[in-house]
Amino acid sequence: MGLQGVIMLAWLASALGKAVAKWATFAAIAVAVYWRIYASGQAAERARQVAEKVDAVRERERIQDAVSKMPDDRVRNELRQWVRNDG
């Protein structure tokens, strides 16, 4: 070990070095906990979005199934309600 290593060890053994090392450890733990919470939140958001997409697909399939069972004249009447008749 060179002179720099001895100086580094002496500094870490000092009261100031111990305090800096302690606070650096606390900061690293805080960052790790924050990152874990952040990543967990991202995963939860992705799961929520996937669930919404699945629900939308189910609703679309339900509507398509209901429309396919309707007689043609009723489908035309339903669609007329969605078309604007401005003149």
Protein backbone atom coordinates (compact mmCIF):
# COMPACT_ATOMS: atom_id res chain seq x y z
CA MET A 1 0.00 0.00 0.00
CA GLY A 2 1.39 3.39 -0.96
CA LEU A 3 1.45 6.67 0.87
CA GLN A 4 -1.91 7.69 -0.59
CA GLY A 5 -3.51 4.51 0.77
CA VAL A 6 -2.11 5.20 4.23
CA ILE A 7 -3.37 8.79 4.11
CA MET A 8 -6.82 7.59 2.97
CA LEU A 9 -7.02 5.05 5.81
CA ALA A 10 -5.91 7.68 8.33
CA TRP A 11 -8.52 10.11 7.06
CA LEU A 12 -11.29 7.44 7.22
CA ALA A 13 -10.19 6.59 10.78
CA SER A 14 -10.55 10.22 11.86
CA ALA A 15 -13.78 11.54 13.38
CA LEU A 16 -14.53 13.62 10.26
CA GLY A 17 -13.85 10.66 8.00
CA LYS A 18 -16.16 8.44 10.04
CA ALA A 19 -18.94 11.05 9.93
CA VAL A 20 -18.57 11.50 6.17
CA ALA A 21 -18.58 7.74 5.64
CA LYS A 22 -21.68 7.37 7.84
CA TRP A 23 -23.63 10.09 6.02
CA ALA A 24 -22.52 8.79 2.63
CA THR A 25 -23.83 5.36 3.62
CA PHE A 26 -27.16 6.86 4.75
CA ALA A 27 -27.43 8.81 1.50
CA ALA A 28 -26.70 5.69 -0.57
CA ILE A 29 -29.36 3.73 1.32
CA ALA A 30 -31.87 6.56 0.87
CA VAL A 31 -31.17 6.68 -2.87
CA ALA A 32 -31.53 2.89 -3.12
CA VAL A 33 -34.86 2.95 -1.25
CA TYR A 34 -36.13 5.84 -3.41
CA TRP A 35 -35.09 4.02 -6.58
CA ARG A 36 -36.86 0.85 -5.42
CA ILE A 37 -40.07 2.77 -4.72
CA TYR A 38 -39.79 4.58 -8.05
CA ALA A 39 -39.29 1.32 -9.99
CA SER A 40 -42.17 -0.28 -8.12
CA GLY A 41 -44.40 2.66 -9.04
CA GLN A 42 -43.42 2.32 -12.69
CA ALA A 43 -44.28 -1.37 -12.66
CA ALA A 44 -47.64 -0.66 -11.03
CA GLU A 45 -48.41 1.99 -13.64
CA ARG A 46 -47.53 -0.38 -16.49
CA ALA A 47 -49.78 -3.05 -14.96
CA ARG A 48 -52.62 -0.52 -14.66
CA GLN A 49 -52.23 0.51 -18.31
CA VAL A 50 -52.24 -3.11 -19.48
CA ALA A 51 -55.38 -3.79 -17.44
CA GLU A 52 -57.08 -0.75 -19.01
CA LYS A 53 -56.14 -1.96 -22.49
CA VAL A 54 -57.51 -5.43 -21.76
CA ASP A 55 -60.75 -3.89 -20.47
CA ALA A 56 -61.01 -1.73 -23.60
CA VAL A 57 -60.53 -4.77 -25.84
CA ARG A 58 -63.21 -6.69 -23.93
CA GLU A 59 -65.61 -3.76 -24.23
CA ARG A 60 -64.91 -3.43 -27.95
CA GLU A 61 -65.52 -7.15 -28.46
CA ARG A 62 -68.76 -6.95 -26.44
CA ILE A 63 -70.01 -4.05 -28.56
CA GLN A 64 -69.01 -5.74 -31.83
CA ASP A 65 -70.79 -8.90 -30.74
CA ALA A 66 -73.95 -6.95 -29.83
CA VAL A 67 -73.89 -5.06 -33.14
CA SER A 68 -73.36 -8.24 -35.16
CA LYS A 69 -76.50 -9.73 -33.58
CA MET A 70 -78.65 -6.68 -34.44
CA PRO A 71 -80.79 -6.59 -37.60
CA ASP A 72 -79.43 -4.34 -40.36
CA ASP A 73 -82.24 -1.77 -40.14
CA ARG A 74 -81.69 -1.34 -36.40
CA VAL A 75 -77.94 -0.86 -36.95
CA ARG A 76 -78.71 1.86 -39.52
CA ASN A 77 -81.10 3.56 -37.06
CA GLU A 78 -78.49 3.43 -34.29
CA LEU A 79 -75.83 4.87 -36.59
CA ARG A 80 -78.13 7.70 -37.70
CA GLN A 81 -78.12 8.97 -34.12
CA TRP A 82 -74.34 9.43 -34.36
CA VAL A 83 -74.38 11.38 -37.64
CA ARG A 84 -74.88 15.14 -37.57
CA ASN A 85 -77.64 16.47 -39.78
CA ASP A 86 -76.77 20.14 -40.23
CA GLY A 87 -78.88 20.58 -43.29
